[in-house]
Amino acid sequence: MAAYTGTGDADPTGEEPDGTPEGPGGSPKGPGGSPNGPDTIPYGPGGGPGGGPDREPGGTSDGDRGPSLDGGLRRDEAVRAAVEQGLVGPATPIVGLLDITGIRASAAALHAAFDAVTAPGTPVLHAFAVKATPLVPVLRLLHREGIGAEVASPGELALARAAGVPPARTVLDSPAKTPAELREALALGIAVNADNPQELDRLDALVHSASTRSPIGIRVNPQVGGGSIGALSTATATSKFGVALRDEGAREWVVRAYLDRPWLTRLHAHSGSQGMPLELMARAVAETYGLAEEINGRAGGRQIDTLDIGGGLPVNFGSDTHTPTYEEYARLLAETVPGLFDGRYGLVTEFGRSLLAKHGVVLARVEYTKSAGGRAIAVTHAGVQVAARTVYAPRSWPLRVAAYDTKGRPKAGPDVVQDVAGPACFAGDLLAEERSMPLLEQGDYAAALDTGAYYFAHHYAYNSLARPGIHGFGPDGSGGVRFAVVRTPQTLDEIVAESGGAHAGSLTGTF
């Protein structure tokens, strides 16, 4: 038949360094660990966290890893501690905070949800989508919690390697892999999902020129439709990712590609993330599973041995409640695609936002307050540089904002309609518009909640605003809070250096 020409993304697997024991299917069940390093600031006890009568509790269980506080109360304690210990204040007016206890709880919930529906002994790799929070200490923490890495660029691969994630627990996904990237992945033994026929041609040449331990598959687009956010829907009719299965001749091309290449042993699909209904995600997995069954049937054996079902579990940005849950999604998959978990296929997932989002806070000082047109405005140091999606697409990405007083305690008082503005020089730099909350005053703090993924870790250098520092927090063992540096604040010298400071005269001296 004529060659099919399409588009796409990627796959993964497991092995653990440092002697960490592995659970069934190569999923490491090692002990938890907090960010390492000497840069810790203990925060002693000193009263309860405070909070108004309508504060909603967090949705994360602490297990046995810390004080018996839910996510919301842990957050309140961390905010107050950050203010008291000078992590944030007049000289450092913005900081990112990560709840280590919450991150561990989410990782444990992911493992438990799929363990509950998967046949014993099935190889399972949960690979964190590094793009969600590309911070080396976070990747190492997740690695210690049995989570691998899904990477989509040379930079993300470098971060995963710096965090100690082994190649066998790493998956390379990208629609634009260069020959050098493919060559490196195959040399390291990293799993690769070919996005399109042209990439598969490159892999043909590389596989035949040198041996590799890399599991290799093809990403397909089941074209089941999109969710409420088009930019994050990757299984639409015209998505740039994967081989579009419903295009004329595409399905047969995929089947023939496998039959002609016995070294293709994986199949991958990812239908989207925020805004995707769980039922649509499950339908995409069912389509992928059906294709794997067809290929194996025509191959006369079990050529495809692993299905990479991607990630994409949506996050609730409206309250502290964690919904939907991994358990709900795993049960839905078991009902929709029962053969997926019967032990015949290894399994790979690529969750990102759902592991981290609920455990991050951007805390920013209110520099000034004013009013315009009868509306109160709080001008803070958090805006487009840490919340680009919310600023540019507020309807798709609304954030909750919590008010804290000058000492970092939750503010009480009547709700007042107000705008929470950022520092950038354009009118639309707003974290929240017409938001009812206790009135923010000069010197108070505004906290942008649920920002542990795709927010403060993704700096946007508008106005050359500096990247904020990031700290992880957890129990200090004495009833208080301890902080650990995840990323130091960007300095002015670094801003100049990254903006070509060393080449200041290159244009005037050359032309």
Protein backbone atom coordinates (compact mmCIF):
# COMPACT_ATOMS: atom_id res chain seq x y z
CA MET A 1 0.00 0.00 0.00
CA ALA A 2 1.05 3.65 -0.36
CA ALA A 3 3.11 5.04 2.50
CA TYR A 4 1.06 6.83 5.14
CA THR A 5 2.36 10.24 6.25
CA GLY A 6 1.16 11.45 9.65
CA THR A 7 2.38 13.22 13.10
CA GLY A 8 2.99 12.55 17.15
CA ASP A 9 4.70 11.92 20.78
CA ALA A 10 5.97 8.90 23.13
CA ASP A 11 6.60 5.82 25.78
CA PRO A 12 8.85 4.09 28.89
CA THR A 13 10.00 1.23 31.53
CA GLY A 14 11.76 0.42 34.87
CA GLU A 15 14.92 -0.32 36.87
CA GLU A 16 16.16 1.17 40.11
CA PRO A 17 19.64 2.43 41.11
CA ASP A 18 21.24 2.76 44.53
CA GLY A 19 20.02 -0.62 45.67
CA THR A 20 16.42 0.54 46.13
CA PRO A 21 14.17 -2.52 46.20
CA GLU A 22 11.60 -2.87 43.47
CA GLY A 23 8.00 -3.87 43.79
CA PRO A 24 6.10 -6.02 41.29
CA GLY A 25 6.65 -5.06 37.71
CA GLY A 26 9.82 -3.11 38.36
CA SER A 27 7.99 -0.37 40.28
CA PRO A 28 10.34 0.68 43.08
CA LYS A 29 8.85 0.70 46.56
CA GLY A 30 11.71 2.52 48.23
CA PRO A 31 11.48 4.70 51.30
CA GLY A 32 10.34 8.28 51.03
CA GLY A 33 12.81 11.11 51.10
CA SER A 34 12.58 14.87 51.29
CA PRO A 35 14.71 17.26 49.25
CA ASN A 36 18.30 16.79 50.32
CA GLY A 37 20.87 19.39 51.13
CA PRO A 38 21.96 21.62 53.98
CA ASP A 39 19.71 24.54 53.05
CA THR A 40 16.97 23.78 55.56
CA ILE A 41 15.28 26.26 57.87
CA PRO A 42 13.57 24.73 60.90
CA TYR A 43 10.34 26.30 62.04
CA GLY A 44 9.41 25.52 65.59
CA PRO A 45 5.95 25.16 67.02
CA GLY A 46 4.20 28.28 68.17
CA GLY A 47 0.48 27.97 68.00
CA GLY A 48 -2.05 26.67 65.55
CA PRO A 49 -2.32 27.63 61.92
CA GLY A 50 -5.34 29.88 62.31
CA GLY A 51 -8.03 30.21 59.68
CA GLY A 52 -11.44 31.72 59.09
CA PRO A 53 -14.69 29.83 59.62
CA ASP A 54 -15.20 29.10 55.91
CA ARG A 55 -11.75 27.73 55.12
CA GLU A 56 -12.05 24.43 53.29
CA PRO A 57 -9.90 21.52 54.46
CA GLY A 58 -7.32 20.03 52.17
CA GLY A 59 -7.96 16.76 50.43
CA THR A 60 -4.70 14.94 51.18
CA SER A 61 -4.18 12.30 53.83
CA ASP A 62 -0.97 12.53 55.82
CA GLY A 63 -0.63 8.86 56.61
CA ASP A 64 2.22 8.37 59.10
CA ARG A 65 4.58 10.89 57.56
CA GLY A 66 3.80 14.05 59.49
CA PRO A 67 1.48 15.95 61.80
CA SER A 68 -2.18 15.09 61.53
CA LEU A 69 -3.03 18.10 59.39
CA ASP A 70 -4.82 18.13 56.08
CA GLY A 71 -3.44 19.92 53.03
CA GLY A 72 -5.16 23.23 53.79
CA LEU A 73 -3.90 23.37 57.35
CA ARG A 74 -0.39 22.34 56.30
CA ARG A 75 -0.47 25.17 53.81
CA ASP A 76 -1.52 27.67 56.49
CA GLU A 77 1.30 26.61 58.76
CA ALA A 78 3.82 26.79 55.93
CA VAL A 79 2.73 30.30 54.92
CA ARG A 80 3.07 31.59 58.46
CA ALA A 81 6.41 29.86 58.84
CA ALA A 82 7.67 31.32 55.57
CA VAL A 83 6.81 34.82 56.75
CA GLU A 84 8.25 34.35 60.24
CA GLN A 85 11.49 32.88 58.96
CA GLY A 86 11.98 35.52 56.26
CA LEU A 87 11.56 33.31 53.21
CA VAL A 88 9.14 35.96 51.99
CA GLY A 89 8.88 39.62 52.96
CA PRO A 90 9.80 43.16 51.83
CA ALA A 91 13.18 42.07 50.43
CA THR A 92 11.88 38.80 48.92
CA PRO A 93 8.30 39.55 47.95
CA ILE A 94 7.46 36.28 46.17
CA VAL A 95 8.21 32.61 46.80
CA GLY A 96 6.97 29.22 45.64
CA LEU A 97 6.15 26.56 48.25
CA LEU A 98 5.77 22.80 47.73
CA ASP A 99 4.04 20.47 50.20
CA ILE A 100 6.29 17.39 50.39
CA THR A 101 3.82 15.42 52.51
CA GLY A 102 1.10 16.03 49.93
CA ILE A 103 3.33 15.05 47.00
CA ARG A 104 4.19 11.76 48.70
CA ALA A 105 0.54 11.09 49.42
CA SER A 106 -0.38 11.63 45.76
CA ALA A 107 2.37 9.27 44.61
CA ALA A 108 1.15 6.64 47.06
CA ALA A 109 -2.44 7.11 45.88
CA LEU A 110 -1.38 6.58 42.26
CA HIS A 111 0.43 3.34 43.10
CA ALA A 112 -2.46 2.06 45.23
CA ALA A 113 -5.12 2.84 42.61
CA PHE A 114 -3.48 0.84 39.85
CA ASP A 115 -2.23 -1.92 42.15
CA ALA A 116 -5.86 -2.50 43.11
CA VAL A 117 -6.96 -3.30 39.54
CA THR A 118 -3.80 -4.84 38.03
CA ALA A 119 -3.04 -8.56 38.03
CA PRO A 120 -0.21 -9.46 40.45
CA GLY A 121 3.22 -9.40 38.82
CA THR A 122 2.22 -7.07 36.00
CA PRO A 123 5.07 -4.68 35.12
CA VAL A 124 3.85 -1.15 35.81
CA LEU A 125 5.78 2.09 35.41
CA HIS A 126 4.28 5.38 36.52
CA ALA A 127 6.40 8.01 34.75
CA PHE A 128 5.98 11.63 35.86
CA ALA A 129 5.49 14.10 33.01
CA VAL A 130 8.57 16.24 33.69
CA LYS A 131 7.08 19.22 31.82
CA ALA A 132 4.58 19.66 34.67
CA THR A 133 7.21 20.57 37.27
CA PRO A 134 10.73 20.49 35.79
CA LEU A 135 12.68 20.77 39.03
CA VAL A 136 15.48 18.32 39.84
CA PRO A 137 14.69 17.95 43.58
CA VAL A 138 11.05 17.21 42.74
CA LEU A 139 12.07 14.54 40.22
CA ARG A 140 14.37 12.96 42.77
CA LEU A 141 11.64 12.99 45.41
CA LEU A 142 9.22 11.30 43.03
CA HIS A 143 11.92 8.82 42.02
CA ARG A 144 12.27 7.86 45.69
CA GLU A 145 8.51 7.37 45.76
CA GLY A 146 8.67 4.90 42.87
CA ILE A 147 7.83 7.29 40.03
CA GLY A 148 9.89 7.43 36.82
CA ALA A 149 10.17 10.23 34.27
CA GLU A 150 8.48 11.00 30.96
CA VAL A 151 10.60 13.51 29.06
CA ALA A 152 9.95 15.44 25.86
CA SER A 153 13.17 17.35 25.20
CA PRO A 154 16.94 17.10 25.74
CA GLY A 155 16.54 19.54 28.63
CA GLU A 156 13.96 17.40 30.40
CA LEU A 157 16.11 14.31 29.89
CA ALA A 158 19.07 16.16 31.43
CA LEU A 159 16.92 17.07 34.45
CA ALA A 160 15.76 13.48 34.90
CA ARG A 161 19.33 12.19 34.70
CA ALA A 162 20.51 14.84 37.18
CA ALA A 163 17.79 13.65 39.54
CA GLY A 164 19.09 10.07 39.33
CA VAL A 165 16.18 8.61 37.36
CA PRO A 166 17.68 5.62 35.50
CA PRO A 167 17.23 5.23 31.74
CA ALA A 168 15.12 2.11 32.21
CA ARG A 169 12.56 4.19 34.12
CA THR A 170 12.54 7.00 31.57
CA VAL A 171 10.27 7.49 28.55
CA LEU A 172 11.08 9.83 25.64
CA ASP A 173 8.07 11.57 24.12
CA SER A 174 8.26 14.43 21.65
CA PRO A 175 6.81 15.15 18.22
CA ALA A 176 10.13 16.64 17.06
CA LYS A 177 12.94 14.31 18.11
CA THR A 178 16.20 14.98 16.29
CA PRO A 179 18.49 12.18 15.08
CA ALA A 180 20.88 13.06 17.92
CA GLU A 181 18.11 12.76 20.53
CA LEU A 182 17.02 9.39 19.16
CA ARG A 183 20.61 8.16 19.03
CA GLU A 184 21.21 9.15 22.66
CA ALA A 185 17.99 7.55 23.86
CA LEU A 186 18.75 4.27 22.12
CA ALA A 187 22.31 4.26 23.44
CA LEU A 188 21.07 4.78 27.01
CA GLY A 189 18.24 2.24 26.79
CA ILE A 190 15.47 4.82 27.21
CA ALA A 191 12.03 3.85 25.93
CA VAL A 192 11.03 5.69 22.75
CA ASN A 193 7.64 6.19 21.13
CA ALA A 194 7.85 7.14 17.46
CA ASP A 195 5.44 9.93 16.65
CA ASN A 196 5.13 9.54 12.89
CA PRO A 197 6.29 7.56 9.84
CA GLN A 198 9.30 9.79 9.19
CA GLU A 199 10.56 9.30 12.72
CA LEU A 200 10.07 5.57 12.33
CA ASP A 201 12.29 5.73 9.22
CA ARG A 202 15.02 7.29 11.35
CA LEU A 203 14.60 4.62 13.98
CA ASP A 204 14.86 1.92 11.30
CA ALA A 205 18.31 3.16 10.39
CA LEU A 206 19.45 3.56 14.00
CA VAL A 207 18.18 0.18 15.17
CA HIS A 208 19.96 -1.57 12.32
CA SER A 209 23.22 0.32 12.87
CA ALA A 210 23.66 -0.46 16.59
CA SER A 211 22.10 -2.71 19.20
CA THR A 212 19.81 -1.15 21.81
CA ARG A 213 17.96 -2.15 24.96
CA SER A 214 15.33 0.53 24.40
CA PRO A 215 11.70 -0.57 24.20
CA ILE A 216 10.26 1.13 21.12
CA GLY A 217 6.68 1.80 20.11
CA ILE A 218 4.48 4.06 18.04
CA ARG A 219 2.22 6.80 19.34
CA VAL A 220 -1.25 6.74 17.85
CA ASN A 221 -4.05 9.27 17.92
CA PRO A 222 -7.37 7.46 18.44
CA GLN A 223 -9.22 10.64 17.33
CA VAL A 224 -11.94 10.27 19.94
CA GLY A 225 -12.42 14.02 20.31
CA GLY A 226 -11.39 16.83 22.62
CA GLY A 227 -12.25 18.23 26.01
CA SER A 228 -13.13 21.73 27.16
CA ILE A 229 -9.62 23.10 26.57
CA GLY A 230 -8.71 22.64 22.93
CA ALA A 231 -5.01 23.39 23.40
CA LEU A 232 -4.70 20.39 25.73
CA SER A 233 -6.81 17.96 23.72
CA THR A 234 -4.45 15.62 21.85
CA ALA A 235 -6.94 13.12 20.39
CA THR A 236 -8.82 15.44 18.08
CA ALA A 237 -9.18 14.82 14.35
CA THR A 238 -6.31 17.19 13.52
CA SER A 239 -4.03 16.85 16.55
CA LYS A 240 -0.32 17.23 15.83
CA PHE A 241 0.47 14.14 17.94
CA GLY A 242 0.73 10.54 16.82
CA VAL A 243 -0.56 8.62 13.84
CA ALA A 244 -4.20 9.57 13.24
CA LEU A 245 -5.90 6.17 13.29
CA ARG A 246 -9.10 7.17 11.48
CA ASP A 247 -7.36 8.81 8.53
CA GLU A 248 -7.60 6.75 5.37
CA GLY A 249 -5.05 3.95 5.35
CA ALA A 250 -3.53 4.93 8.70
CA ARG A 251 -4.67 1.99 10.81
CA GLU A 252 -3.43 -0.56 8.29
CA TRP A 253 -0.14 1.35 8.02
CA VAL A 254 0.33 1.03 11.80
CA VAL A 255 -0.45 -2.69 11.77
CA ARG A 256 1.96 -3.30 8.89
CA ALA A 257 4.65 -1.21 10.59
CA TYR A 258 4.55 -3.60 13.54
CA LEU A 259 4.39 -6.76 11.47
CA ASP A 260 7.45 -5.61 9.51
CA ARG A 261 9.39 -4.69 12.67
CA PRO A 262 9.39 -7.31 15.43
CA TRP A 263 11.37 -4.88 17.60
CA LEU A 264 8.31 -2.63 17.97
CA THR A 265 6.88 -3.89 21.25
CA ARG A 266 4.94 -0.96 22.68
CA LEU A 267 1.90 1.08 21.74
CA HIS A 268 1.19 4.55 23.10
CA ALA A 269 -1.69 7.02 23.16
CA HIS A 270 -2.43 10.12 25.23
CA SER A 271 -5.77 11.83 24.65
CA GLY A 272 -5.25 15.07 26.58
CA SER A 273 -5.28 16.45 30.11
CA GLN A 274 -7.09 19.30 31.86
CA GLY A 275 -10.65 19.60 30.62
CA MET A 276 -10.88 15.99 29.41
CA PRO A 277 -13.83 13.89 30.67
CA LEU A 278 -12.67 10.62 32.22
CA GLU A 279 -15.04 8.68 29.97
CA LEU A 280 -13.39 10.11 26.86
CA MET A 281 -9.94 9.29 28.22
CA ALA A 282 -11.06 5.71 28.92
CA ARG A 283 -12.49 5.45 25.42
CA ALA A 284 -9.14 6.46 23.94
CA VAL A 285 -7.42 3.76 26.01
CA ALA A 286 -9.99 1.23 24.81
CA GLU A 287 -9.27 2.15 21.18
CA THR A 288 -5.54 1.73 21.78
CA TYR A 289 -6.05 -1.61 23.51
CA GLY A 290 -8.20 -2.81 20.61
CA LEU A 291 -5.44 -1.91 18.16
CA ALA A 292 -2.87 -3.80 20.22
CA GLU A 293 -5.11 -6.86 20.21
CA GLU A 294 -5.48 -6.62 16.44
CA ILE A 295 -1.73 -6.32 15.89
CA ASN A 296 -0.93 -9.23 18.18
CA GLY A 297 -3.62 -11.31 16.55
CA ARG A 298 -2.22 -10.73 13.10
CA ALA A 299 1.33 -11.26 14.34
CA GLY A 300 0.30 -14.64 15.73
CA GLY A 301 1.75 -13.87 19.14
CA ARG A 302 2.38 -11.26 21.82
CA GLN A 303 4.49 -8.76 19.91
CA ILE A 304 3.13 -5.74 21.74
CA ASP A 305 3.84 -6.43 25.39
CA THR A 306 3.32 -2.97 26.94
CA LEU A 307 0.68 -0.27 26.60
CA ASP A 308 1.54 3.32 27.46
CA ILE A 309 -1.80 4.96 28.24
CA GLY A 310 -0.42 8.44 28.93
CA GLY A 311 -1.70 10.55 31.80
CA GLY A 312 -4.04 13.51 31.75
CA LEU A 313 -6.09 13.13 34.95
CA PRO A 314 -7.78 16.53 35.38
CA VAL A 315 -7.30 18.59 38.54
CA ASN A 316 -9.97 20.34 40.59
CA PHE A 317 -8.97 24.00 40.82
CA GLY A 318 -12.18 25.00 42.60
CA SER A 319 -11.48 23.71 46.11
CA ASP A 320 -8.97 21.75 48.19
CA THR A 321 -10.76 18.49 47.37
CA HIS A 322 -8.79 16.04 45.21
CA THR A 323 -11.18 15.03 42.45
CA PRO A 324 -11.28 13.09 40.24
CA THR A 325 -9.05 10.56 41.96
CA TYR A 326 -6.64 8.00 40.59
CA GLU A 327 -8.85 5.33 42.14
CA GLU A 328 -11.89 6.54 40.19
CA TYR A 329 -9.95 6.58 36.94
CA ALA A 330 -8.36 3.16 37.48
CA ARG A 331 -11.76 1.63 38.27
CA LEU A 332 -13.29 3.22 35.18
CA LEU A 333 -10.49 1.79 33.04
CA ALA A 334 -11.01 -1.65 34.58
CA GLU A 335 -14.73 -1.48 33.73
CA THR A 336 -14.18 -0.06 30.23
CA VAL A 337 -11.12 -2.10 29.19
CA PRO A 338 -10.98 -5.15 31.47
CA GLY A 339 -8.30 -6.85 29.38
CA LEU A 340 -5.92 -3.98 30.07
CA PHE A 341 -5.24 -5.24 33.59
CA ASP A 342 -5.32 -9.03 33.17
CA GLY A 343 -1.54 -9.36 33.13
CA ARG A 344 -1.01 -9.81 29.40
CA TYR A 345 0.27 -6.25 28.97
CA GLY A 346 2.76 -4.26 30.93
CA LEU A 347 1.50 -0.78 31.72
CA VAL A 348 2.98 2.73 31.58
CA THR A 349 1.29 5.93 32.75
CA GLU A 350 2.45 9.54 32.33
CA PHE A 351 0.64 11.65 34.92
CA GLY A 352 1.98 15.11 35.69
CA ARG A 353 -0.37 17.88 36.82
CA SER A 354 -2.42 15.56 39.02
CA LEU A 355 0.65 14.58 41.07
CA LEU A 356 1.86 18.12 41.82
CA ALA A 357 -0.73 20.84 41.22
CA LYS A 358 -2.59 20.64 44.54
CA HIS A 359 0.66 20.77 46.50
CA GLY A 360 2.05 24.11 45.35
CA VAL A 361 1.47 27.70 46.47
CA VAL A 362 2.73 30.99 45.04
CA LEU A 363 2.96 33.39 47.97
CA ALA A 364 3.32 37.08 47.08
CA ARG A 365 3.45 40.24 49.18
CA VAL A 366 0.92 42.99 48.57
CA GLU A 367 3.06 46.00 47.68
CA TYR A 368 0.28 48.54 47.25
CA THR A 369 -3.51 48.77 47.36
CA LYS A 370 -5.68 51.22 45.47
CA SER A 371 -9.11 51.57 43.93
CA ALA A 372 -10.33 52.31 40.43
CA GLY A 373 -13.92 52.72 39.30
CA GLY A 374 -15.04 51.79 42.77
CA ARG A 375 -13.17 48.46 42.80
CA ALA A 376 -10.38 47.60 45.22
CA ILE A 377 -7.08 46.50 43.66
CA ALA A 378 -4.22 44.73 45.42
CA VAL A 379 -0.94 45.04 43.51
CA THR A 380 1.23 42.01 44.28
CA HIS A 381 4.46 40.48 43.01
CA ALA A 382 2.77 37.44 41.42
CA GLY A 383 1.41 37.75 37.93
CA VAL A 384 2.13 36.66 34.41
CA GLN A 385 5.71 35.64 35.20
CA VAL A 386 4.47 32.75 37.40
CA ALA A 387 0.90 32.28 36.12
CA ALA A 388 0.98 32.86 32.37
CA ARG A 389 -1.91 30.53 31.61
CA THR A 390 -4.20 32.17 34.16
CA VAL A 391 -3.33 35.70 33.05
CA TYR A 392 -3.75 35.04 29.32
CA ALA A 393 -6.62 32.51 29.52
CA PRO A 394 -8.42 33.17 32.84
CA ARG A 395 -11.61 31.36 31.86
CA SER A 396 -9.75 28.11 31.20
CA TRP A 397 -7.29 28.51 34.07
CA PRO A 398 -8.91 30.30 37.02
CA LEU A 399 -6.93 30.13 40.26
CA ARG A 400 -8.11 30.33 43.83
CA VAL A 401 -6.41 33.12 45.77
CA ALA A 402 -6.23 33.05 49.58
CA ALA A 403 -5.64 36.12 51.74
CA TYR A 404 -3.07 36.14 54.57
CA ASP A 405 -2.21 39.02 56.88
CA THR A 406 1.18 40.64 57.44
CA LYS A 407 2.20 37.80 59.79
CA GLY A 408 1.15 35.07 57.41
CA ARG A 409 -2.11 34.21 59.18
CA PRO A 410 -5.33 33.60 57.22
CA LYS A 411 -7.30 36.83 57.03
CA ALA A 412 -10.75 37.07 58.51
CA GLY A 413 -13.36 39.73 57.90
CA PRO A 414 -16.12 40.37 55.38
CA ASP A 415 -15.58 39.54 51.74
CA VAL A 416 -14.84 42.46 49.44
CA VAL A 417 -14.91 42.33 45.64
CA GLN A 418 -11.39 43.12 44.46
CA ASP A 419 -8.79 42.47 41.80
CA VAL A 420 -5.49 40.78 42.61
CA ALA A 421 -2.96 42.23 40.19
CA GLY A 422 0.57 41.28 39.23
CA PRO A 423 3.66 43.45 38.71
CA ALA A 424 3.90 43.32 34.90
CA CYS A 425 3.36 46.40 32.75
CA PHE A 426 0.13 45.51 30.98
CA ALA A 427 -3.46 45.87 32.11
CA GLY A 428 -4.35 42.22 31.87
CA ASP A 429 -1.76 41.06 34.41
CA LEU A 430 -4.34 39.85 36.92
CA LEU A 431 -4.27 36.73 39.09
CA ALA A 432 -7.92 37.24 39.93
CA GLU A 433 -10.57 39.70 38.77
CA GLU A 434 -13.66 40.72 40.73
CA ARG A 435 -12.87 38.16 43.39
CA SER A 436 -14.79 38.17 46.71
CA MET A 437 -12.40 37.62 49.61
CA PRO A 438 -11.22 39.39 52.77
CA LEU A 439 -9.80 42.77 51.82
CA LEU A 440 -6.09 42.62 51.03
CA GLU A 441 -4.09 45.49 52.51
CA GLN A 442 -0.55 46.75 52.05
CA GLY A 443 1.92 44.27 53.52
CA ASP A 444 -0.52 41.35 53.42
CA TYR A 445 0.10 38.23 51.32
CA ALA A 446 -1.87 36.76 48.44
CA ALA A 447 -1.49 33.03 47.90
CA ALA A 448 -2.23 31.53 44.49
CA LEU A 449 -3.27 27.96 45.26
CA ASP A 450 -2.94 24.72 43.27
CA THR A 451 0.17 26.04 41.50
CA GLY A 452 2.51 23.07 41.99
CA ALA A 453 2.44 22.23 38.28
CA TYR A 454 2.82 24.51 35.23
CA TYR A 455 3.05 27.69 37.31
CA PHE A 456 6.05 28.92 39.34
CA ALA A 457 8.29 26.25 37.81
CA HIS A 458 7.54 27.72 34.35
CA HIS A 459 8.90 31.22 34.52
CA TYR A 460 7.90 33.76 31.87
CA ALA A 461 10.47 36.56 31.81
CA TYR A 462 8.10 39.45 31.06
CA ASN A 463 9.66 42.79 32.16
CA SER A 464 12.77 40.76 33.06
CA LEU A 465 11.07 39.82 36.33
CA ALA A 466 13.26 37.45 38.32
CA ARG A 467 12.45 33.78 38.79
CA PRO A 468 11.25 33.31 42.37
CA GLY A 469 12.89 30.96 44.82
CA ILE A 470 11.11 27.69 45.57
CA HIS A 471 11.12 25.81 48.87
CA GLY A 472 9.74 22.44 49.83
CA PHE A 473 8.16 22.13 53.27
CA GLY A 474 7.41 19.28 55.61
CA PRO A 475 7.34 18.32 59.29
CA ASP A 476 10.52 18.95 61.30
CA GLY A 477 9.85 16.09 63.73
CA SER A 478 9.06 18.44 66.62
CA GLY A 479 5.63 19.66 65.63
CA GLY A 480 6.91 22.42 63.38
CA VAL A 481 7.73 22.99 59.72
CA ARG A 482 11.04 22.62 57.95
CA PHE A 483 11.92 24.19 54.61
CA ALA A 484 14.38 22.95 52.00
CA VAL A 485 15.65 24.93 49.04
CA VAL A 486 14.39 23.59 45.71
CA ARG A 487 15.52 26.52 43.57
CA THR A 488 17.24 29.75 44.60
CA PRO A 489 15.85 33.11 43.43
CA GLN A 490 17.30 34.42 40.21
CA THR A 491 19.76 37.28 40.73
CA LEU A 492 20.05 40.48 38.70
CA ASP A 493 23.48 39.36 37.50
CA GLU A 494 21.93 36.15 36.19
CA ILE A 495 19.23 38.12 34.38
CA VAL A 496 21.88 40.25 32.68
CA ALA A 497 23.98 37.20 31.80
CA GLU A 498 21.02 35.34 30.31
CA SER A 499 20.11 38.45 28.31
CA GLY A 500 23.43 38.61 26.47
CA GLY A 501 25.35 40.70 28.98
CA ALA A 502 28.65 39.13 27.95
CA HIS A 503 28.02 40.24 24.36
CA ALA A 504 26.90 43.81 25.05
CA GLY A 505 29.02 45.30 22.28
CA SER A 506 28.58 42.60 19.67
CA LEU A 507 26.08 44.51 17.49
CA THR A 508 27.63 47.96 17.68
CA GLY A 509 31.13 46.56 17.28
CA THR A 510 30.34 44.34 14.30
CA PHE A 511 28.00 46.34 12.11
